[in-house]
Amino acid sequence: MMLRWFVRKDHCGVDFGIWNTLSPSQLSCPLDVHSGNVARKLGLLNRKQNDAKALMELDKSLRKLDKHDPVKYDFALFGLGVFEGF
């Protein structure tokens, strides 16, 4: 999460964008129980375990949606799982 905050730039004040040595395209979306479950329901992830292989699969799916900033989907995946019970 810290890398996301420090590397990505946004206009809402969530991501600071103060590190310029990394690109958002180099980041991976954090994979936890909530984001994993939502990703599976949306067809972005087939693997049942939340492990390194699942992270690579999710990365591949999210990079198809936006290869320049695949991590921008993090809050949506997490939020749907936690707050919306998706």
N, C-alpha and C. Protein backbone atom coordinates (compact mmCIF):
# COMPACT_ATOMS: atom_id res chain seq x y z
N MET A 1 0.83 -1.19 0.00
CA MET A 1 0.00 0.00 0.00
C MET A 1 0.87 1.25 0.00
N MET A 2 1.95 1.22 0.76
CA MET A 2 2.81 2.40 0.82
C MET A 2 3.34 2.75 -0.57
N LEU A 3 3.74 1.73 -1.33
CA LEU A 3 4.23 2.01 -2.68
C LEU A 3 3.15 2.67 -3.52
N ARG A 4 1.94 2.19 -3.40
CA ARG A 4 0.82 2.79 -4.15
C ARG A 4 0.71 4.27 -3.80
N TRP A 5 0.69 4.58 -2.53
CA TRP A 5 0.52 5.97 -2.09
C TRP A 5 1.66 6.86 -2.56
N PHE A 6 2.87 6.35 -2.52
CA PHE A 6 4.03 7.17 -2.84
C PHE A 6 4.31 7.26 -4.34
N VAL A 7 3.89 6.27 -5.13
CA VAL A 7 4.19 6.24 -6.56
C VAL A 7 3.07 6.83 -7.39
N ARG A 8 1.82 6.46 -7.12
CA ARG A 8 0.70 6.95 -7.92
C ARG A 8 0.39 8.40 -7.58
N LYS A 9 -0.05 9.13 -8.58
CA LYS A 9 -0.51 10.51 -8.39
C LYS A 9 -2.00 10.54 -8.66
N ASP A 10 -2.74 11.21 -7.80
CA ASP A 10 -4.16 11.41 -8.09
C ASP A 10 -4.56 12.82 -7.65
N HIS A 11 -5.75 13.19 -7.97
CA HIS A 11 -6.23 14.54 -7.66
C HIS A 11 -7.17 14.56 -6.46
N CYS A 12 -7.31 13.40 -5.80
CA CYS A 12 -8.21 13.31 -4.65
C CYS A 12 -7.47 13.32 -3.32
N GLY A 13 -6.16 13.32 -3.36
CA GLY A 13 -5.38 13.37 -2.13
C GLY A 13 -5.13 12.02 -1.48
N VAL A 14 -5.53 10.93 -2.15
CA VAL A 14 -5.29 9.59 -1.59
C VAL A 14 -3.85 9.17 -1.86
N ASP A 15 -3.42 9.31 -3.10
CA ASP A 15 -2.07 8.91 -3.50
C ASP A 15 -1.21 10.16 -3.68
N PHE A 16 -0.06 10.18 -3.02
CA PHE A 16 0.78 11.37 -2.98
C PHE A 16 1.62 11.57 -4.23
N GLY A 17 2.11 10.48 -4.84
CA GLY A 17 2.92 10.59 -6.05
C GLY A 17 4.23 11.30 -5.85
N ILE A 18 4.90 11.08 -4.72
CA ILE A 18 6.14 11.81 -4.44
C ILE A 18 7.39 11.05 -4.86
N TRP A 19 7.25 9.78 -5.23
CA TRP A 19 8.40 9.00 -5.72
C TRP A 19 8.31 8.91 -7.23
N ASN A 20 9.33 9.41 -7.91
CA ASN A 20 9.32 9.40 -9.37
C ASN A 20 10.21 8.32 -9.98
N THR A 21 10.90 7.54 -9.14
CA THR A 21 11.80 6.52 -9.65
C THR A 21 11.07 5.25 -10.07
N LEU A 22 9.84 5.07 -9.61
CA LEU A 22 9.01 3.94 -10.01
C LEU A 22 7.81 4.45 -10.79
N SER A 23 7.31 3.59 -11.64
CA SER A 23 6.11 3.91 -12.42
C SER A 23 4.94 3.11 -11.86
N PRO A 24 3.73 3.64 -11.91
CA PRO A 24 2.56 2.86 -11.48
C PRO A 24 2.43 1.53 -12.22
N SER A 25 2.96 1.45 -13.42
CA SER A 25 2.88 0.20 -14.18
C SER A 25 3.73 -0.91 -13.56
N GLN A 26 4.63 -0.56 -12.66
CA GLN A 26 5.48 -1.55 -12.01
C GLN A 26 4.86 -2.11 -10.73
N LEU A 27 3.75 -1.56 -10.31
CA LEU A 27 3.12 -1.97 -9.06
C LEU A 27 2.15 -3.12 -9.26
N SER A 28 1.92 -3.86 -8.20
CA SER A 28 0.92 -4.92 -8.19
C SER A 28 -0.19 -4.55 -7.21
N CYS A 29 -1.39 -4.93 -7.54
CA CYS A 29 -2.54 -4.67 -6.68
C CYS A 29 -2.42 -5.55 -5.43
N PRO A 30 -2.57 -4.98 -4.25
CA PRO A 30 -2.54 -5.80 -3.04
C PRO A 30 -3.65 -6.86 -3.10
N LEU A 31 -3.28 -8.08 -2.76
CA LEU A 31 -4.23 -9.18 -2.80
C LEU A 31 -4.53 -9.64 -1.38
N ASP A 32 -5.76 -9.44 -0.95
CA ASP A 32 -6.19 -9.92 0.35
C ASP A 32 -7.48 -10.71 0.17
N VAL A 33 -8.09 -11.10 1.25
CA VAL A 33 -9.31 -11.90 1.17
C VAL A 33 -10.40 -11.17 0.38
N HIS A 34 -10.58 -9.90 0.66
CA HIS A 34 -11.67 -9.14 0.02
C HIS A 34 -11.41 -8.91 -1.46
N SER A 35 -10.23 -8.39 -1.80
CA SER A 35 -9.95 -8.13 -3.21
C SER A 35 -9.90 -9.43 -4.00
N GLY A 36 -9.40 -10.50 -3.39
CA GLY A 36 -9.36 -11.80 -4.06
C GLY A 36 -10.76 -12.34 -4.35
N ASN A 37 -11.64 -12.27 -3.36
CA ASN A 37 -13.01 -12.77 -3.56
C ASN A 37 -13.75 -11.98 -4.63
N VAL A 38 -13.62 -10.67 -4.62
CA VAL A 38 -14.28 -9.84 -5.62
C VAL A 38 -13.68 -10.12 -7.00
N ALA A 39 -12.36 -10.22 -7.09
CA ALA A 39 -11.72 -10.51 -8.37
C ALA A 39 -12.21 -11.84 -8.94
N ARG A 40 -12.41 -12.82 -8.09
CA ARG A 40 -12.94 -14.12 -8.55
C ARG A 40 -14.37 -13.97 -9.07
N LYS A 41 -15.20 -13.23 -8.36
CA LYS A 41 -16.59 -13.04 -8.78
C LYS A 41 -16.68 -12.26 -10.09
N LEU A 42 -15.70 -11.40 -10.34
CA LEU A 42 -15.69 -10.62 -11.59
C LEU A 42 -14.97 -11.35 -12.72
N GLY A 43 -14.43 -12.51 -12.44
CA GLY A 43 -13.73 -13.28 -13.47
C GLY A 43 -12.32 -12.81 -13.75
N LEU A 44 -11.75 -12.03 -12.84
CA LEU A 44 -10.38 -11.55 -13.00
C LEU A 44 -9.37 -12.53 -12.43
N LEU A 45 -9.84 -13.47 -11.63
CA LEU A 45 -8.97 -14.41 -10.93
C LEU A 45 -9.66 -15.75 -10.81
N ASN A 46 -8.97 -16.81 -11.22
CA ASN A 46 -9.53 -18.15 -11.12
C ASN A 46 -8.92 -18.95 -9.97
N ARG A 47 -7.68 -18.69 -9.65
CA ARG A 47 -6.99 -19.44 -8.60
C ARG A 47 -7.68 -19.26 -7.26
N LYS A 48 -7.84 -20.36 -6.52
CA LYS A 48 -8.58 -20.31 -5.26
C LYS A 48 -7.78 -19.76 -4.10
N GLN A 49 -6.47 -20.00 -4.09
CA GLN A 49 -5.63 -19.50 -3.01
C GLN A 49 -5.22 -18.06 -3.27
N ASN A 50 -4.99 -17.31 -2.21
CA ASN A 50 -4.42 -15.97 -2.33
C ASN A 50 -2.91 -16.10 -2.10
N ASP A 51 -2.19 -16.38 -3.16
CA ASP A 51 -0.75 -16.58 -3.05
C ASP A 51 -0.05 -15.86 -4.21
N ALA A 52 1.24 -16.11 -4.37
CA ALA A 52 2.02 -15.42 -5.40
C ALA A 52 1.50 -15.72 -6.80
N LYS A 53 1.07 -16.95 -7.04
CA LYS A 53 0.53 -17.29 -8.36
C LYS A 53 -0.78 -16.55 -8.63
N ALA A 54 -1.60 -16.42 -7.58
CA ALA A 54 -2.85 -15.67 -7.73
C ALA A 54 -2.56 -14.20 -8.01
N LEU A 55 -1.55 -13.66 -7.34
CA LEU A 55 -1.17 -12.26 -7.58
C LEU A 55 -0.73 -12.06 -9.02
N MET A 56 0.04 -12.99 -9.56
CA MET A 56 0.48 -12.88 -10.96
C MET A 56 -0.72 -12.97 -11.90
N GLU A 57 -1.68 -13.82 -11.59
CA GLU A 57 -2.88 -13.94 -12.42
C GLU A 57 -3.71 -12.66 -12.36
N LEU A 58 -3.88 -12.12 -11.17
CA LEU A 58 -4.63 -10.87 -11.03
C LEU A 58 -3.91 -9.73 -11.74
N ASP A 59 -2.59 -9.66 -11.58
CA ASP A 59 -1.80 -8.65 -12.30
C ASP A 59 -2.06 -8.71 -13.80
N LYS A 60 -2.02 -9.90 -14.34
CA LYS A 60 -2.23 -10.08 -15.78
C LYS A 60 -3.61 -9.57 -16.20
N SER A 61 -4.62 -9.90 -15.41
CA SER A 61 -5.98 -9.45 -15.72
C SER A 61 -6.12 -7.93 -15.62
N LEU A 62 -5.57 -7.35 -14.56
CA LEU A 62 -5.69 -5.90 -14.38
C LEU A 62 -4.87 -5.13 -15.41
N ARG A 63 -3.75 -5.69 -15.84
CA ARG A 63 -2.93 -5.04 -16.87
C ARG A 63 -3.63 -5.04 -18.22
N LYS A 64 -4.53 -5.97 -18.45
CA LYS A 64 -5.33 -5.96 -19.67
C LYS A 64 -6.29 -4.76 -19.65
N LEU A 65 -6.75 -4.39 -18.46
CA LEU A 65 -7.66 -3.25 -18.32
C LEU A 65 -6.92 -1.92 -18.40
N ASP A 66 -5.73 -1.87 -17.78
CA ASP A 66 -4.91 -0.65 -17.83
C ASP A 66 -3.45 -1.03 -17.57
N LYS A 67 -2.66 -1.14 -18.62
CA LYS A 67 -1.27 -1.56 -18.47
C LYS A 67 -0.40 -0.48 -17.83
N HIS A 68 -0.85 0.76 -17.87
CA HIS A 68 -0.07 1.85 -17.30
C HIS A 68 -0.31 2.04 -15.80
N ASP A 69 -1.47 1.61 -15.31
CA ASP A 69 -1.82 1.82 -13.89
C ASP A 69 -2.78 0.74 -13.40
N PRO A 70 -2.33 -0.51 -13.33
CA PRO A 70 -3.23 -1.60 -12.92
C PRO A 70 -3.66 -1.52 -11.46
N VAL A 71 -2.95 -0.77 -10.64
CA VAL A 71 -3.25 -0.69 -9.21
C VAL A 71 -4.44 0.24 -8.93
N LYS A 72 -4.86 0.99 -9.89
CA LYS A 72 -5.97 1.92 -9.65
C LYS A 72 -7.26 1.18 -9.30
N TYR A 73 -7.31 -0.12 -9.55
CA TYR A 73 -8.50 -0.90 -9.25
C TYR A 73 -8.52 -1.43 -7.81
N ASP A 74 -7.47 -1.18 -7.06
CA ASP A 74 -7.33 -1.71 -5.71
C ASP A 74 -8.50 -1.33 -4.81
N PHE A 75 -8.81 -0.05 -4.70
CA PHE A 75 -9.88 0.38 -3.79
C PHE A 75 -11.24 -0.16 -4.23
N ALA A 76 -11.46 -0.27 -5.52
CA ALA A 76 -12.74 -0.80 -6.01
C ALA A 76 -12.90 -2.27 -5.61
N LEU A 77 -11.86 -3.06 -5.83
CA LEU A 77 -11.93 -4.47 -5.47
C LEU A 77 -12.09 -4.65 -3.97
N PHE A 78 -11.29 -3.94 -3.21
CA PHE A 78 -11.35 -4.04 -1.75
C PHE A 78 -12.69 -3.53 -1.23
N GLY A 79 -13.09 -2.36 -1.71
CA GLY A 79 -14.33 -1.74 -1.22
C GLY A 79 -15.57 -2.55 -1.52
N LEU A 80 -15.63 -3.15 -2.69
CA LEU A 80 -16.79 -4.00 -3.01
C LEU A 80 -16.88 -5.17 -2.05
N GLY A 81 -15.73 -5.70 -1.66
CA GLY A 81 -15.73 -6.84 -0.75
C GLY A 81 -16.05 -6.46 0.68
N VAL A 82 -15.49 -5.36 1.16
CA VAL A 82 -15.64 -4.98 2.56
C VAL A 82 -16.94 -4.22 2.81
N PHE A 83 -17.18 -3.20 2.02
CA PHE A 83 -18.30 -2.31 2.30
C PHE A 83 -19.60 -2.71 1.63
N GLU A 84 -19.52 -3.38 0.50
CA GLU A 84 -20.71 -3.74 -0.24
C GLU A 84 -21.07 -5.22 -0.10
N GLY A 85 -20.19 -6.02 0.50
CA GLY A 85 -20.46 -7.43 0.67
C GLY A 85 -20.60 -8.17 -0.64
N PHE A 86 -19.93 -7.69 -1.66
CA PHE A 86 -20.01 -8.27 -3.01
C PHE A 86 -19.37 -9.62 -3.03
